[in-house]
Amino acid sequence: MVWSVLWSDKSKKQLRKIDKKTVKRIIDTVEGIQENPFMAVSKLTGS
């Protein structure tokens, strides 16, 4: 199952303000999470 990511206008505006190399890393990471969103989740412990 593939999830979709919606970029808000505010996030797009903020991405335009930072350097291209960092933007690429952010987009690549978000696209990776899009394919498997649970890879970035960890279980709570001790609660």
PDB file of N, CA and C in Angstrom:
ATOM      1  N   MET A   1       0.837  -1.174   0.000  1.00  0.00           N
ATOM      2  CA  MET A   1       0.000   0.000   0.000  1.00  0.00           C
ATOM      3  C   MET A   1       0.888   1.245   0.000  1.00  0.00           C
ATOM      4  N   VAL A   2       0.610   2.143  -0.880  1.00  0.00           N
ATOM      5  CA  VAL A   2       1.378   3.379  -0.959  1.00  0.00           C
ATOM      6  C   VAL A   2       0.562   4.512  -0.352  1.00  0.00           C
ATOM      7  N   TRP A   3       1.192   5.263   0.510  1.00  0.00           N
ATOM      8  CA  TRP A   3       0.556   6.403   1.156  1.00  0.00           C
ATOM      9  C   TRP A   3       0.878   7.651   0.351  1.00  0.00           C
ATOM     10  N   SER A   4       0.087   8.667   0.505  1.00  0.00           N
ATOM     11  CA  SER A   4       0.370   9.906  -0.214  1.00  0.00           C
ATOM     12  C   SER A   4       0.793  10.992   0.769  1.00  0.00           C
ATOM     13  N   VAL A   5       1.635  11.869   0.283  1.00  0.00           N
ATOM     14  CA  VAL A   5       2.110  12.996   1.080  1.00  0.00           C
ATOM     15  C   VAL A   5       1.590  14.261   0.431  1.00  0.00           C
ATOM     16  N   LEU A   6       0.976  15.097   1.227  1.00  0.00           N
ATOM     17  CA  LEU A   6       0.478  16.372   0.734  1.00  0.00           C
ATOM     18  C   LEU A   6       1.357  17.475   1.305  1.00  0.00           C
ATOM     19  N   TRP A   7       1.972  18.246   0.427  1.00  0.00           N
ATOM     20  CA  TRP A   7       2.825  19.353   0.844  1.00  0.00           C
ATOM     21  C   TRP A   7       1.965  20.607   0.944  1.00  0.00           C
ATOM     22  N   SER A   8       1.952  21.223   2.098  1.00  0.00           N
ATOM     23  CA  SER A   8       1.189  22.461   2.270  1.00  0.00           C
ATOM     24  C   SER A   8       1.916  23.607   1.563  1.00  0.00           C
ATOM     25  N   ASP A   9       1.188  24.671   1.313  1.00  0.00           N
ATOM     26  CA  ASP A   9       1.800  25.848   0.693  1.00  0.00           C
ATOM     27  C   ASP A   9       2.909  26.406   1.581  1.00  0.00           C
ATOM     28  N   LYS A  10       2.689  26.370   2.884  1.00  0.00           N
ATOM     29  CA  LYS A  10       3.691  26.868   3.820  1.00  0.00           C
ATOM     30  C   LYS A  10       4.968  26.030   3.761  1.00  0.00           C
ATOM     31  N   SER A  11       4.820  24.708   3.690  1.00  0.00           N
ATOM     32  CA  SER A  11       6.013  23.856   3.615  1.00  0.00           C
ATOM     33  C   SER A  11       6.766  24.073   2.311  1.00  0.00           C
ATOM     34  N   LYS A  12       6.050  24.242   1.217  1.00  0.00           N
ATOM     35  CA  LYS A  12       6.702  24.524  -0.068  1.00  0.00           C
ATOM     36  C   LYS A  12       7.477  25.831  -0.010  1.00  0.00           C
ATOM     37  N   LYS A  13       6.883  26.825   0.612  1.00  0.00           N
ATOM     38  CA  LYS A  13       7.531  28.131   0.737  1.00  0.00           C
ATOM     39  C   LYS A  13       8.803  28.018   1.577  1.00  0.00           C
ATOM     40  N   GLN A  14       8.727  27.253   2.668  1.00  0.00           N
ATOM     41  CA  GLN A  14       9.894  27.077   3.519  1.00  0.00           C
ATOM     42  C   GLN A  14      10.996  26.292   2.821  1.00  0.00           C
ATOM     43  N   LEU A  15      10.632  25.314   2.017  1.00  0.00           N
ATOM     44  CA  LEU A  15      11.635  24.547   1.272  1.00  0.00           C
ATOM     45  C   LEU A  15      12.368  25.420   0.259  1.00  0.00           C
ATOM     46  N   ARG A  16      11.680  26.388  -0.303  1.00  0.00           N
ATOM     47  CA  ARG A  16      12.326  27.286  -1.270  1.00  0.00           C
ATOM     48  C   ARG A  16      13.378  28.175  -0.612  1.00  0.00           C
ATOM     49  N   LYS A  17      13.317  28.339   0.706  1.00  0.00           N
ATOM     50  CA  LYS A  17      14.235  29.222   1.418  1.00  0.00           C
ATOM     51  C   LYS A  17      15.551  28.559   1.802  1.00  0.00           C
ATOM     52  N   ILE A  18      15.638  27.231   1.707  1.00  0.00           N
ATOM     53  CA  ILE A  18      16.856  26.547   2.123  1.00  0.00           C
ATOM     54  C   ILE A  18      17.603  25.997   0.911  1.00  0.00           C
ATOM     55  N   ASP A  19      18.851  25.585   1.150  1.00  0.00           N
ATOM     56  CA  ASP A  19      19.704  25.170   0.025  1.00  0.00           C
ATOM     57  C   ASP A  19      19.204  23.881  -0.631  1.00  0.00           C
ATOM     58  N   LYS A  20      19.519  23.755  -1.893  1.00  0.00           N
ATOM     59  CA  LYS A  20      18.996  22.654  -2.729  1.00  0.00           C
ATOM     60  C   LYS A  20      19.408  21.278  -2.210  1.00  0.00           C
ATOM     61  N   LYS A  21      20.621  21.164  -1.678  1.00  0.00           N
ATOM     62  CA  LYS A  21      21.102  19.872  -1.191  1.00  0.00           C
ATOM     63  C   LYS A  21      20.250  19.384  -0.010  1.00  0.00           C
ATOM     64  N   THR A  22      19.930  20.281   0.893  1.00  0.00           N
ATOM     65  CA  THR A  22      19.106  19.935   2.047  1.00  0.00           C
ATOM     66  C   THR A  22      17.683  19.619   1.618  1.00  0.00           C
ATOM     67  N   VAL A  23      17.165  20.379   0.664  1.00  0.00           N
ATOM     68  CA  VAL A  23      15.815  20.130   0.153  1.00  0.00           C
ATOM     69  C   VAL A  23      15.737  18.735  -0.449  1.00  0.00           C
ATOM     70  N   LYS A  24      16.746  18.345  -1.202  1.00  0.00           N
ATOM     71  CA  LYS A  24      16.757  17.010  -1.809  1.00  0.00           C
ATOM     72  C   LYS A  24      16.733  15.928  -0.736  1.00  0.00           C
ATOM     73  N   ARG A  25      17.515  16.103   0.325  1.00  0.00           N
ATOM     74  CA  ARG A  25      17.528  15.123   1.418  1.00  0.00           C
ATOM     75  C   ARG A  25      16.157  15.017   2.076  1.00  0.00           C
ATOM     76  N   ILE A  26      15.522  16.158   2.298  1.00  0.00           N
ATOM     77  CA  ILE A  26      14.197  16.166   2.932  1.00  0.00           C
ATOM     78  C   ILE A  26      13.186  15.445   2.055  1.00  0.00           C
ATOM     79  N   ILE A  27      13.164  15.784   0.775  1.00  0.00           N
ATOM     80  CA  ILE A  27      12.206  15.174  -0.147  1.00  0.00           C
ATOM     81  C   ILE A  27      12.453  13.678  -0.279  1.00  0.00           C
ATOM     82  N   ASP A  28      13.726  13.276  -0.384  1.00  0.00           N
ATOM     83  CA  ASP A  28      14.040  11.846  -0.479  1.00  0.00           C
ATOM     84  C   ASP A  28      13.572  11.091   0.765  1.00  0.00           C
ATOM     85  N   THR A  29      13.771  11.681   1.938  1.00  0.00           N
ATOM     86  CA  THR A  29      13.350  11.041   3.184  1.00  0.00           C
ATOM     87  C   THR A  29      11.836  10.919   3.247  1.00  0.00           C
ATOM     88  N   VAL A  30      11.146  11.984   2.890  1.00  0.00           N
ATOM     89  CA  VAL A  30       9.683  11.958   2.921  1.00  0.00           C
ATOM     90  C   VAL A  30       9.142  10.947   1.914  1.00  0.00           C
ATOM     91  N   GLU A  31       9.750  10.868   0.744  1.00  0.00           N
ATOM     92  CA  GLU A  31       9.308   9.879  -0.242  1.00  0.00           C
ATOM     93  C   GLU A  31       9.542   8.465   0.265  1.00  0.00           C
ATOM     94  N   GLY A  32      10.624   8.240   0.990  1.00  0.00           N
ATOM     95  CA  GLY A  32      10.881   6.927   1.581  1.00  0.00           C
ATOM     96  C   GLY A  32       9.836   6.579   2.619  1.00  0.00           C
ATOM     97  N   ILE A  33       9.464   7.554   3.427  1.00  0.00           N
ATOM     98  CA  ILE A  33       8.438   7.343   4.443  1.00  0.00           C
ATOM     99  C   ILE A  33       7.085   7.093   3.776  1.00  0.00           C
ATOM    100  N   GLN A  34       6.883   7.694   2.630  1.00  0.00           N
ATOM    101  CA  GLN A  34       5.628   7.519   1.889  1.00  0.00           C
ATOM    102  C   GLN A  34       5.414   6.059   1.525  1.00  0.00           C
ATOM    103  N   GLU A  35       6.477   5.370   1.185  1.00  0.00           N
ATOM    104  CA  GLU A  35       6.367   3.960   0.817  1.00  0.00           C
ATOM    105  C   GLU A  35       6.148   3.063   2.029  1.00  0.00           C
ATOM    106  N   ASN A  36       6.733   3.427   3.171  1.00  0.00           N
ATOM    107  CA  ASN A  36       6.577   2.647   4.391  1.00  0.00           C
ATOM    108  C   ASN A  36       6.585   3.602   5.585  1.00  0.00           C
ATOM    109  N   PRO A  37       5.445   4.191   5.916  1.00  0.00           N
ATOM    110  CA  PRO A  37       5.410   5.200   6.968  1.00  0.00           C
ATOM    111  C   PRO A  37       5.747   4.661   8.358  1.00  0.00           C
ATOM    112  N   PHE A  38       5.668   3.369   8.539  1.00  0.00           N
ATOM    113  CA  PHE A  38       5.925   2.791   9.851  1.00  0.00           C
ATOM    114  C   PHE A  38       7.405   2.589  10.131  1.00  0.00           C
ATOM    115  N   MET A  39       8.265   2.832   9.149  1.00  0.00           N
ATOM    116  CA  MET A  39       9.706   2.709   9.382  1.00  0.00           C
ATOM    117  C   MET A  39      10.217   3.850  10.258  1.00  0.00           C
ATOM    118  N   ALA A  40       9.501   4.950  10.307  1.00  0.00           N
ATOM    119  CA  ALA A  40       9.921   6.119  11.090  1.00  0.00           C
ATOM    120  C   ALA A  40       9.217   6.162  12.438  1.00  0.00           C
ATOM    121  N   VAL A  41       8.565   5.079  12.814  1.00  0.00           N
ATOM    122  CA  VAL A  41       7.800   5.032  14.061  1.00  0.00           C
ATOM    123  C   VAL A  41       8.469   4.053  15.005  1.00  0.00           C
ATOM    124  N   SER A  42       8.567   4.453  16.262  1.00  0.00           N
ATOM    125  CA  SER A  42       9.075   3.511  17.253  1.00  0.00           C
ATOM    126  C   SER A  42       8.044   3.356  18.369  1.00  0.00           C
ATOM    127  N   LYS A  43       8.029   2.187  18.972  1.00  0.00           N
ATOM    128  CA  LYS A  43       7.067   1.891  20.029  1.00  0.00           C
ATOM    129  C   LYS A  43       7.412   2.677  21.284  1.00  0.00           C
ATOM    130  N   LEU A  44       6.389   3.107  21.990  1.00  0.00           N
ATOM    131  CA  LEU A  44       6.599   3.730  23.284  1.00  0.00           C
ATOM    132  C   LEU A  44       6.924   2.652  24.312  1.00  0.00           C
ATOM    133  N   THR A  45       7.849   2.951  25.183  1.00  0.00           N
ATOM    134  CA  THR A  45       8.187   1.990  26.229  1.00  0.00           C
ATOM    135  C   THR A  45       8.122   2.691  27.586  1.00  0.00           C
ATOM    136  N   GLY A  46       7.831   1.941  28.595  1.00  0.00           N
ATOM    137  CA  GLY A  46       7.835   2.469  29.953  1.00  0.00           C
ATOM    138  C   GLY A  46       6.671   3.394  30.262  1.00  0.00           C
ATOM    139  N   SER A  47       5.593   3.292  29.483  1.00  0.00           N
ATOM    140  CA  SER A  47       4.469   4.174  29.799  1.00  0.00           C
ATOM    141  C   SER A  47       3.264   3.384  30.265  1.00  0.00           C
TER     142      SER A  47
END
